[in-house]
Amino acid sequence: MQIVTDGIIPEIPEAVDVENSPAELGIAVDVGTTTIAVSVWAMGKRKHLSTVAEKNNQMRYGYDVIRRISFATRPPLTGSSNTVETGTSALHYCIISQLEKMFTKAVSNAAQKLPRGFSPVVKQIVITGNTSMLSFVCGVPVNNMAAAPFAPETLFDFTATWESVRYGTCCPECTILDKPTAEMMQVFGSSIISPETEVYFPPCIGAFIGADTICAMITAGFPVPEDEAKNSDLKPWESKVKAPLLLADIGTNSELCLYIPETENTKCKILCTSAASGPAFEAANISCGMSSIEGAIDSVTMLNGKINLHTIGDAKPKGICGSGLVSLAAALFKNKYIDKNGVLLREKSKLGDGTDCIELTPAVYISQQDIRNLQLAKSAVKTGLQYLLGHSPETPVFCIAGGFGSKLNLHEAREIGLLPAELDKRTIQLGNASLSGASALLFSKSLRAKAKKLAGNSIQVNLAAVPNFQDNFLKSIDF
């Protein structure tokens, strides 16, 4: 599976600690709703040693955050064996067991790159993710995130031991979990991580803007407010940023942030919001949608009226991934196979239920409903971006983070109306900025202090409560 783990590592203020043993390792973890990435670093030389990435096993409990929150808040299940399992316990042990196995694999791969005679010792772990994912990792209840006012039990920003994380006792807000099963106890007993290993959870901003966004801000170079910077140890390496910065991590739940520089009359500020774009960008609610693995259509072009498909690994087409969906829609719209409303016009076939579709191969097609799902997703993102652009004093530098954004063809995204035209030629693709930011936090107390300041100075905006939001959303649906 192709999960994006590469990203731009931000500058680290502290000097390298040359006294660290070559065997001392640090692990950065990005727990995403769909995927998990684990990156291992040599603490002494700040050298990347290995990365392991997998689908999040919690997907069995619900593809998106809302479904998992619903599962976590359900009543306990009692079976014939009189075993009681709460939703929170199931989600917690699911993610912990997966992390244990991924740590073993990643550290074993890293050990092969250590000098002869040195055995790996994990000294620090940084775990980032959205607020819900971190709650599941720690065993924190998410009942308050199931309905307004969506107030999470904790915004994290604390350090704990790996043992307390595993058993769901790492903070006062943790709930009482079911006892680990015999299988889980065996996983704990064979852990490659020492129980006393330090685990740091970066701060979150709110229920739907998490620590992954803070880490992405650090990677993108978001500065702390000027009055905060004067009293911090981040200077002199961090200069005052005079241009506005716009950050977007586009996915099932898209996080959008705008840094507005200070003026003579106003202080700088950071506006943050989230757009419920749904799973279309992950191709989850698409008829022939699939993950970015071998055989997934990731790019579409047309020549002399013929549709040309490119797949990952140049394999036989098996389905369409998120970036391929955008590319396909752009090609169909440009060549008048669909109109600006998204209605299929040409080369139409019929599915068994009479639904219109366009056949790409005998086994792969795109339906009218697939186009509608894409339109709703792209409209949510564009409406959010336009809201933030309306508060920017000038056209900002636009930073796209995340796996989907790193694979996105910017020209095609603009053609279907996903990205506003004014951001053309001012866009930077950061890759997995969340994992990169978490990696930097392994080495820097200064950046951890910066993360706290960024979270504390960010202003959350509820798009649904913004006047004319619904009208703007509807206007952005068309291509």
Protein backbone atom coordinates (compact mmCIF):
# COMPACT_ATOMS: atom_id res chain seq x y z
CA MET A 1 0.00 0.00 0.00
CA GLN A 2 1.33 3.44 -0.90
CA ILE A 3 0.96 5.58 2.23
CA VAL A 4 2.74 8.92 2.06
CA THR A 5 5.35 9.15 4.80
CA ASP A 6 7.79 11.62 3.25
CA GLY A 7 7.72 15.24 4.30
CA ILE A 8 9.82 18.32 4.89
CA ILE A 9 11.43 18.26 8.35
CA PRO A 10 11.29 21.74 9.94
CA GLU A 11 14.43 23.39 11.28
CA ILE A 12 15.27 22.35 14.84
CA PRO A 13 16.57 25.10 17.17
CA GLU A 14 18.67 22.91 19.49
CA ALA A 15 22.12 21.65 18.61
CA VAL A 16 22.66 17.94 18.07
CA ASP A 17 23.43 16.07 21.29
CA VAL A 18 26.58 14.24 20.28
CA GLU A 19 26.70 12.39 23.61
CA ASN A 20 23.71 10.26 22.72
CA SER A 21 24.52 6.62 22.09
CA PRO A 22 24.07 5.38 18.49
CA ALA A 23 21.64 2.83 19.93
CA GLU A 24 19.24 5.48 21.28
CA LEU A 25 16.17 5.74 19.05
CA GLY A 26 13.11 7.95 18.85
CA ILE A 27 9.79 7.04 17.24
CA ALA A 28 7.37 9.49 15.62
CA VAL A 29 3.82 8.24 15.01
CA ASP A 30 1.03 9.74 12.94
CA VAL A 31 -2.24 7.99 13.81
CA GLY A 32 -4.57 8.92 10.97
CA THR A 33 -8.19 7.95 10.59
CA THR A 34 -7.35 5.84 7.54
CA THR A 35 -3.61 5.14 7.86
CA ILE A 36 -0.89 4.95 10.50
CA ALA A 37 2.76 5.85 9.88
CA VAL A 38 5.65 5.04 12.23
CA SER A 39 9.06 6.61 11.69
CA VAL A 40 12.23 5.66 13.60
CA TRP A 41 15.11 8.09 14.15
CA ALA A 42 18.64 7.87 15.60
CA MET A 43 18.50 10.44 18.41
CA GLY A 44 22.24 11.19 18.37
CA LYS A 45 22.58 12.06 14.69
CA ARG A 46 18.94 12.92 13.92
CA LYS A 47 19.12 10.39 11.15
CA HIS A 48 16.03 8.69 9.76
CA LEU A 49 16.40 4.91 9.94
CA SER A 50 13.10 3.29 8.97
CA THR A 51 9.40 3.83 8.34
CA VAL A 52 6.44 1.47 8.52
CA ALA A 53 2.96 2.43 7.31
CA GLU A 54 -0.32 0.52 7.40
CA LYS A 55 -4.05 0.96 7.17
CA ASN A 56 -5.62 1.78 10.52
CA ASN A 57 -7.16 -1.45 11.83
CA GLN A 58 -9.87 0.59 13.55
CA MET A 59 -11.54 0.90 10.16
CA ARG A 60 -13.40 -2.31 11.05
CA TYR A 61 -15.33 -0.20 13.58
CA GLY A 62 -16.16 2.58 11.13
CA TYR A 63 -14.48 4.21 8.19
CA ASP A 64 -14.66 7.77 9.50
CA VAL A 65 -14.36 9.51 12.86
CA ILE A 66 -18.11 9.97 13.34
CA ARG A 67 -18.81 6.24 13.00
CA ARG A 68 -16.00 5.39 15.42
CA ILE A 69 -17.25 7.90 17.97
CA SER A 70 -20.67 6.28 17.66
CA PHE A 71 -19.12 2.86 18.20
CA ALA A 72 -17.13 4.10 21.20
CA THR A 73 -20.26 5.46 22.89
CA ARG A 74 -22.44 2.38 22.38
CA PRO A 75 -23.52 0.29 25.40
CA PRO A 76 -21.29 -2.66 26.40
CA LEU A 77 -21.89 -5.91 24.55
CA THR A 78 -22.60 -9.06 26.54
CA GLY A 79 -22.15 -12.36 24.68
CA SER A 80 -22.80 -16.00 25.53
CA SER A 81 -19.42 -16.13 27.26
CA ASN A 82 -20.50 -13.29 29.59
CA THR A 83 -17.68 -11.17 28.22
CA VAL A 84 -18.40 -7.44 28.37
CA GLU A 85 -16.58 -5.19 25.93
CA THR A 86 -17.07 -1.43 25.77
CA GLY A 87 -16.55 0.46 22.53
CA THR A 88 -13.77 2.56 24.05
CA SER A 89 -11.90 -0.57 25.17
CA ALA A 90 -12.23 -2.21 21.75
CA LEU A 91 -10.91 0.87 19.92
CA HIS A 92 -8.09 1.37 22.43
CA TYR A 93 -6.76 -2.18 22.39
CA CYS A 94 -7.14 -2.35 18.61
CA ILE A 95 -4.83 0.62 18.05
CA ILE A 96 -2.38 -0.30 20.81
CA SER A 97 -1.90 -3.84 19.51
CA GLN A 98 -1.33 -2.47 16.00
CA LEU A 99 1.21 0.07 17.27
CA GLU A 100 3.07 -2.64 19.20
CA LYS A 101 3.44 -4.73 16.05
CA MET A 102 4.42 -1.74 13.92
CA PHE A 103 7.01 -0.65 16.51
CA THR A 104 8.54 -4.14 16.45
CA LYS A 105 8.82 -4.10 12.67
CA ALA A 106 10.10 -0.52 12.43
CA VAL A 107 12.71 -0.90 15.21
CA SER A 108 13.90 -4.23 13.78
CA ASN A 109 14.42 -2.55 10.40
CA ALA A 110 16.23 0.35 12.07
CA ALA A 111 18.49 -2.01 14.05
CA GLN A 112 20.02 -3.24 10.81
CA LYS A 113 21.44 0.25 10.21
CA LEU A 114 23.05 0.63 13.64
CA PRO A 115 26.82 0.15 14.15
CA ARG A 116 27.87 -3.42 14.87
CA GLY A 117 27.46 -4.39 18.51
CA PHE A 118 24.71 -1.89 19.37
CA SER A 119 21.20 -3.03 20.36
CA PRO A 120 18.36 -0.53 19.80
CA VAL A 121 16.85 1.26 22.79
CA VAL A 122 13.76 3.41 22.24
CA LYS A 123 14.11 6.51 24.44
CA GLN A 124 11.21 8.69 23.24
CA ILE A 125 7.95 8.41 21.33
CA VAL A 126 5.84 11.24 19.91
CA ILE A 127 2.29 10.31 18.91
CA THR A 128 0.21 12.76 16.89
CA GLY A 129 -3.21 12.50 15.29
CA ASN A 130 -6.60 14.12 15.37
CA THR A 131 -8.36 14.57 18.69
CA SER A 132 -10.50 11.44 18.32
CA MET A 133 -7.59 9.20 17.34
CA LEU A 134 -5.49 10.35 20.31
CA SER A 135 -8.49 9.77 22.59
CA PHE A 136 -8.72 6.18 21.34
CA VAL A 137 -4.98 5.68 21.83
CA CYS A 138 -5.16 6.88 25.43
CA GLY A 139 -8.50 5.38 26.37
CA VAL A 140 -10.16 8.76 26.86
CA PRO A 141 -13.98 8.74 26.45
CA VAL A 142 -15.35 10.62 23.44
CA ASN A 143 -18.99 10.95 24.57
CA ASN A 144 -18.78 14.75 24.63
CA MET A 145 -17.61 14.76 21.00
CA ALA A 146 -20.75 12.99 19.80
CA ALA A 147 -22.94 16.10 20.03
CA ALA A 148 -22.75 19.88 20.40
CA PRO A 149 -20.87 21.70 21.83
CA PHE A 150 -18.29 19.00 20.91
CA ALA A 151 -16.04 19.51 23.93
CA PRO A 152 -13.26 16.88 24.18
CA GLU A 153 -12.30 15.58 27.61
CA THR A 154 -8.69 16.69 27.07
CA LEU A 155 -6.64 18.64 24.54
CA PHE A 156 -3.57 16.51 25.41
CA ASP A 157 -0.14 18.26 25.52
CA PHE A 158 1.29 15.92 28.12
CA THR A 159 3.98 13.29 28.58
CA ALA A 160 3.35 9.80 29.92
CA THR A 161 5.01 6.38 30.00
CA TRP A 162 4.33 3.75 27.38
CA GLU A 163 3.00 1.39 30.05
CA SER A 164 0.40 3.93 31.19
CA VAL A 165 -0.61 4.52 27.56
CA ARG A 166 -1.03 0.80 26.92
CA TYR A 167 -3.26 0.30 29.97
CA GLY A 168 -5.26 3.49 29.42
CA THR A 169 -4.11 5.27 32.58
CA CYS A 170 -1.91 8.00 31.11
CA CYS A 171 -4.06 10.99 32.11
CA PRO A 172 -6.85 11.81 34.63
CA GLU A 173 -9.45 11.86 31.86
CA CYS A 174 -8.92 8.19 30.94
CA THR A 175 -11.90 5.92 31.44
CA ILE A 176 -11.82 2.53 33.17
CA LEU A 177 -11.13 -0.01 30.44
CA ASP A 178 -11.94 -3.70 30.30
CA LYS A 179 -9.11 -5.96 31.34
CA PRO A 180 -6.77 -6.87 28.46
CA THR A 181 -7.42 -10.27 26.91
CA ALA A 182 -4.87 -13.07 27.13
CA GLU A 183 -3.86 -12.33 23.54
CA MET A 184 -3.37 -8.67 24.36
CA MET A 185 -1.31 -9.50 27.45
CA GLN A 186 0.93 -11.59 25.24
CA VAL A 187 1.40 -8.61 22.92
CA PHE A 188 2.29 -6.44 25.92
CA GLY A 189 4.71 -9.03 27.23
CA SER A 190 6.63 -9.20 23.97
CA SER A 191 6.79 -5.43 23.49
CA ILE A 192 9.99 -4.00 22.03
CA ILE A 193 9.26 -0.78 23.94
CA SER A 194 10.27 -0.45 27.59
CA PRO A 195 7.33 0.32 29.92
CA GLU A 196 9.14 3.47 31.17
CA THR A 197 9.69 4.94 27.68
CA GLU A 198 8.54 8.56 27.50
CA VAL A 199 5.55 9.25 25.22
CA TYR A 200 4.63 12.83 24.28
CA PHE A 201 1.22 13.84 22.92
CA PRO A 202 1.23 17.28 21.24
CA PRO A 203 -1.65 19.67 21.95
CA CYS A 204 -4.94 19.75 20.07
CA ILE A 205 -6.94 22.86 19.24
CA GLY A 206 -10.45 21.43 19.53
CA ALA A 207 -12.69 18.48 18.83
CA PHE A 208 -12.08 18.44 15.08
CA ILE A 209 -8.71 20.19 14.84
CA GLY A 210 -6.11 17.98 16.43
CA ALA A 211 -2.44 17.58 17.17
CA ASP A 212 -1.80 16.48 13.59
CA THR A 213 -2.75 19.99 12.49
CA ILE A 214 -0.40 21.55 15.06
CA CYS A 215 2.45 19.34 13.79
CA ALA A 216 1.63 20.35 10.20
CA MET A 217 1.71 24.01 11.27
CA ILE A 218 5.22 23.50 12.63
CA THR A 219 6.31 21.90 9.37
CA ALA A 220 4.72 24.72 7.35
CA GLY A 221 6.57 27.36 9.40
CA PHE A 222 3.65 28.96 11.19
CA PRO A 223 5.17 31.45 13.65
CA VAL A 224 4.10 32.10 17.22
CA PRO A 225 2.66 35.56 17.93
CA GLU A 226 5.33 38.23 18.15
CA ASP A 227 4.80 38.99 21.85
CA GLU A 228 5.10 35.25 22.60
CA ALA A 229 8.26 34.92 20.52
CA LYS A 230 10.03 37.65 22.49
CA ASN A 231 9.94 35.48 25.59
CA SER A 232 10.70 32.16 23.93
CA ASP A 233 13.93 30.38 23.12
CA LEU A 234 12.92 29.92 19.48
CA LYS A 235 14.87 32.98 18.37
CA PRO A 236 17.08 33.84 16.57
CA TRP A 237 16.42 31.09 14.02
CA GLU A 238 12.73 31.90 13.63
CA SER A 239 12.24 35.19 11.81
CA LYS A 240 9.06 37.22 11.71
CA VAL A 241 6.77 36.04 8.88
CA LYS A 242 5.26 38.94 6.95
CA ALA A 243 3.21 36.98 4.38
CA PRO A 244 0.01 35.11 5.25
CA LEU A 245 0.16 31.31 5.23
CA LEU A 246 -2.71 29.00 4.34
CA LEU A 247 -2.49 25.32 5.32
CA ALA A 248 -4.82 22.53 4.19
CA ASP A 249 -4.74 18.86 5.11
CA ILE A 250 -7.34 17.47 2.73
CA GLY A 251 -8.96 14.16 3.57
CA THR A 252 -12.09 12.66 5.11
CA ASN A 253 -12.11 15.58 7.54
CA SER A 254 -10.14 18.45 6.04
CA GLU A 255 -8.35 20.82 8.43
CA LEU A 256 -7.75 24.37 7.16
CA CYS A 257 -5.64 27.04 8.89
CA LEU A 258 -4.74 30.63 8.02
CA TYR A 259 -1.92 32.61 9.61
CA ILE A 260 -2.58 36.37 9.37
CA PRO A 261 0.52 38.54 9.99
CA GLU A 262 0.37 41.44 12.39
CA THR A 263 -0.10 44.99 11.17
CA GLU A 264 0.40 48.36 12.81
CA ASN A 265 -3.08 48.12 14.30
CA THR A 266 -3.65 44.41 14.82
CA LYS A 267 -1.78 41.45 16.24
CA CYS A 268 -1.16 38.34 14.19
CA LYS A 269 -3.66 35.52 14.55
CA ILE A 270 -4.40 32.02 13.31
CA LEU A 271 -7.87 31.06 12.09
CA CYS A 272 -8.66 27.34 11.97
CA THR A 273 -11.63 25.39 10.72
CA SER A 274 -12.53 21.93 9.53
CA ALA A 275 -14.51 20.89 6.49
CA ALA A 276 -16.47 17.64 6.62
CA SER A 277 -15.52 16.62 3.11
CA GLY A 278 -16.42 12.96 3.58
CA PRO A 279 -14.55 9.90 2.33
CA ALA A 280 -14.59 10.66 -1.42
CA PHE A 281 -10.95 11.83 -1.43
CA GLU A 282 -10.07 8.45 0.06
CA ALA A 283 -12.30 6.87 -2.65
CA ALA A 284 -14.26 5.11 0.10
CA ASN A 285 -17.77 6.01 -1.09
CA ILE A 286 -16.90 5.57 -4.77
CA SER A 287 -18.32 2.55 -6.63
CA CYS A 288 -14.92 1.26 -7.79
CA GLY A 289 -12.91 3.20 -5.22
CA MET A 290 -9.81 1.69 -3.62
CA SER A 291 -6.71 2.67 -1.67
CA SER A 292 -3.54 3.90 -3.37
CA ILE A 293 -2.14 0.44 -4.01
CA GLU A 294 -0.99 -1.42 -7.10
CA GLY A 295 -3.66 -1.41 -9.77
CA ALA A 296 -5.38 1.79 -8.61
CA ILE A 297 -6.04 4.35 -11.34
CA ASP A 298 -4.18 7.47 -10.20
CA SER A 299 -4.11 9.55 -13.39
CA VAL A 300 -6.36 9.94 -16.43
CA THR A 301 -5.71 11.69 -19.76
CA MET A 302 -7.59 11.84 -23.04
CA LEU A 303 -6.14 11.82 -26.53
CA ASN A 304 -8.30 11.91 -29.68
CA GLY A 305 -11.36 11.06 -27.63
CA LYS A 306 -9.78 7.98 -26.07
CA ILE A 307 -9.50 7.64 -22.29
CA ASN A 308 -5.98 6.70 -21.19
CA LEU A 309 -5.61 5.25 -17.71
CA HIS A 310 -2.44 5.20 -15.61
CA THR A 311 -2.30 2.86 -12.63
CA ILE A 312 0.03 2.54 -9.66
CA GLY A 313 2.67 -0.02 -10.54
CA ASP A 314 1.49 0.02 -14.18
CA ALA A 315 -0.73 -2.91 -13.27
CA LYS A 316 -4.12 -3.89 -14.67
CA PRO A 317 -6.77 -1.38 -13.47
CA LYS A 318 -8.60 -2.64 -10.41
CA GLY A 319 -10.28 0.56 -9.21
CA ILE A 320 -9.83 4.30 -8.63
CA CYS A 321 -7.95 6.02 -5.79
CA GLY A 322 -8.59 9.58 -4.57
CA SER A 323 -6.11 11.39 -6.81
CA GLY A 324 -7.32 9.30 -9.75
CA LEU A 325 -10.89 10.38 -9.07
CA VAL A 326 -9.92 14.06 -9.31
CA SER A 327 -7.89 13.39 -12.45
CA LEU A 328 -10.76 11.46 -14.06
CA ALA A 329 -13.32 14.15 -13.27
CA ALA A 330 -11.04 16.85 -14.71
CA ALA A 331 -10.53 14.85 -17.94
CA LEU A 332 -14.24 14.09 -18.33
CA PHE A 333 -15.23 17.72 -17.73
CA LYS A 334 -12.60 19.15 -20.06
CA ASN A 335 -13.67 16.80 -22.86
CA LYS A 336 -17.39 17.39 -22.29
CA TYR A 337 -18.22 13.91 -21.03
CA ILE A 338 -19.85 15.67 -18.07
CA ASP A 339 -21.23 19.20 -17.83
CA LYS A 340 -20.54 21.84 -15.19
CA ASN A 341 -23.37 20.42 -13.07
CA GLY A 342 -21.69 17.02 -13.07
CA VAL A 343 -24.30 15.36 -15.27
CA LEU A 344 -22.98 12.54 -17.46
CA LEU A 345 -23.43 13.47 -21.15
CA ARG A 346 -21.57 10.97 -23.35
CA GLU A 347 -20.45 7.36 -23.55
CA LYS A 348 -23.01 6.43 -20.95
CA SER A 349 -23.78 2.88 -19.87
CA LYS A 350 -26.38 1.54 -17.47
CA LEU A 351 -25.82 -0.32 -14.22
CA GLY A 352 -28.19 -3.06 -13.12
CA ASP A 353 -30.37 -0.59 -11.23
CA GLY A 354 -30.58 1.72 -14.24
CA THR A 355 -28.02 4.22 -12.91
CA ASP A 356 -25.92 6.02 -15.51
CA CYS A 357 -22.18 5.36 -15.53
CA ILE A 358 -19.12 5.68 -17.76
CA GLU A 359 -17.25 2.44 -18.27
CA LEU A 360 -13.47 2.77 -18.04
CA THR A 361 -12.67 -0.94 -18.32
CA PRO A 362 -14.94 -4.01 -18.22
CA ALA A 363 -14.41 -4.06 -14.44
CA VAL A 364 -14.05 -0.36 -13.55
CA TYR A 365 -16.58 2.43 -14.00
CA ILE A 366 -17.61 5.78 -12.56
CA SER A 367 -21.28 6.37 -11.78
CA GLN A 368 -23.41 9.49 -11.62
CA GLN A 369 -23.51 9.12 -7.82
CA ASP A 370 -19.69 8.95 -7.70
CA ILE A 371 -19.54 12.33 -9.43
CA ARG A 372 -22.04 13.72 -6.92
CA ASN A 373 -19.99 12.45 -3.97
CA LEU A 374 -16.87 14.11 -5.39
CA GLN A 375 -18.76 17.37 -5.92
CA LEU A 376 -19.94 17.44 -2.31
CA ALA A 377 -16.42 16.75 -1.02
CA LYS A 378 -14.71 19.35 -3.17
CA SER A 379 -17.39 21.93 -2.38
CA ALA A 380 -16.81 21.53 1.37
CA VAL A 381 -13.08 22.13 0.96
CA LYS A 382 -13.41 25.02 -1.48
CA THR A 383 -16.01 26.76 0.67
CA GLY A 384 -13.68 26.55 3.66
CA LEU A 385 -10.72 27.81 1.66
CA GLN A 386 -12.74 30.72 0.27
CA TYR A 387 -13.86 31.68 3.76
CA LEU A 388 -10.26 31.86 4.98
CA LEU A 389 -9.11 33.66 1.82
CA GLY A 390 -11.75 36.27 2.55
CA HIS A 391 -9.96 37.00 5.84
CA SER A 392 -6.46 37.11 4.36
CA PRO A 393 -5.01 40.59 3.69
CA GLU A 394 -3.38 39.28 0.52
CA THR A 395 -3.05 36.05 -1.43
CA PRO A 396 -1.29 33.65 0.96
CA VAL A 397 1.36 31.02 0.42
CA PHE A 398 -0.68 27.82 0.22
CA CYS A 399 0.67 24.66 1.85
CA ILE A 400 -1.02 21.32 1.14
CA ALA A 401 -0.33 18.54 3.64
CA GLY A 402 -1.28 14.88 3.78
CA GLY A 403 -1.19 11.84 1.53
CA PHE A 404 -4.01 12.91 -0.77
CA GLY A 405 -2.61 16.43 -1.16
CA SER A 406 0.88 15.21 -1.94
CA LYS A 407 -0.39 13.12 -4.88
CA LEU A 408 -2.83 15.71 -6.14
CA ASN A 409 -2.35 17.23 -9.58
CA LEU A 410 -2.83 20.92 -8.78
CA HIS A 411 -3.87 21.87 -12.31
CA GLU A 412 -6.59 19.20 -12.37
CA ALA A 413 -7.74 20.16 -8.87
CA ARG A 414 -8.18 23.74 -10.01
CA GLU A 415 -10.05 22.64 -13.17
CA ILE A 416 -12.79 20.92 -11.19
CA GLY A 417 -13.02 23.77 -8.68
CA LEU A 418 -11.40 22.04 -5.71
CA LEU A 419 -8.74 24.74 -5.30
CA PRO A 420 -9.43 28.47 -5.85
CA ALA A 421 -7.71 29.87 -8.94
CA GLU A 422 -5.92 32.62 -6.99
CA LEU A 423 -3.77 30.01 -5.24
CA ASP A 424 -2.23 28.97 -8.55
CA LYS A 425 1.57 29.27 -8.54
CA ARG A 426 1.60 29.96 -4.79
CA THR A 427 1.21 26.34 -3.69
CA ILE A 428 3.66 24.07 -1.88
CA GLN A 429 3.03 20.35 -1.34
CA LEU A 430 4.49 19.32 2.04
CA GLY A 431 3.84 15.58 2.00
CA ASN A 432 3.08 14.06 5.42
CA ALA A 433 3.58 17.30 7.35
CA SER A 434 2.03 15.82 10.48
CA LEU A 435 4.61 13.02 10.68
CA SER A 436 7.42 15.45 9.85
CA GLY A 437 6.34 17.79 12.62
CA ALA A 438 6.06 14.92 15.10
CA SER A 439 9.57 13.79 14.13
CA ALA A 440 10.94 17.28 14.86
CA LEU A 441 9.27 17.23 18.29
CA LEU A 442 11.40 14.20 19.19
CA PHE A 443 14.46 16.45 19.27
CA SER A 444 13.20 19.83 20.44
CA LYS A 445 11.72 21.12 23.69
CA SER A 446 11.57 24.53 22.02
CA LEU A 447 9.27 23.20 19.30
CA ARG A 448 7.11 21.52 21.92
CA ALA A 449 6.75 24.92 23.58
CA LYS A 450 5.93 26.38 20.17
CA ALA A 451 3.26 23.72 19.62
CA LYS A 452 1.57 24.78 22.85
CA LYS A 453 1.68 28.46 21.84
CA LEU A 454 0.28 27.71 18.39
CA ALA A 455 -2.62 25.75 19.90
CA GLY A 456 -3.31 28.44 22.48
CA ASN A 457 -3.35 31.24 19.92
CA SER A 458 -5.49 29.52 17.28
CA ILE A 459 -9.08 30.69 16.82
CA GLN A 460 -11.60 28.00 15.88
CA VAL A 461 -14.31 28.82 13.35
CA ASN A 462 -17.45 26.72 12.94
CA LEU A 463 -18.14 26.93 9.21
CA ALA A 464 -21.73 25.77 9.61
CA ALA A 465 -22.44 28.85 11.74
CA VAL A 466 -20.93 31.28 9.25
CA PRO A 467 -23.57 33.46 7.49
CA ASN A 468 -24.18 32.42 3.88
CA PHE A 469 -22.15 29.23 4.33
CA GLN A 470 -24.91 27.06 2.90
CA ASP A 471 -25.33 29.37 -0.10
CA ASN A 472 -21.58 29.40 -0.76
CA PHE A 473 -21.44 25.62 -0.39
CA LEU A 474 -24.17 25.14 -2.99
CA LYS A 475 -22.50 27.60 -5.38
CA SER A 476 -19.24 25.62 -5.15
CA ILE A 477 -20.77 22.25 -6.08
CA ASP A 478 -20.58 22.86 -9.84
CA PHE A 479 -17.39 22.20 -11.75
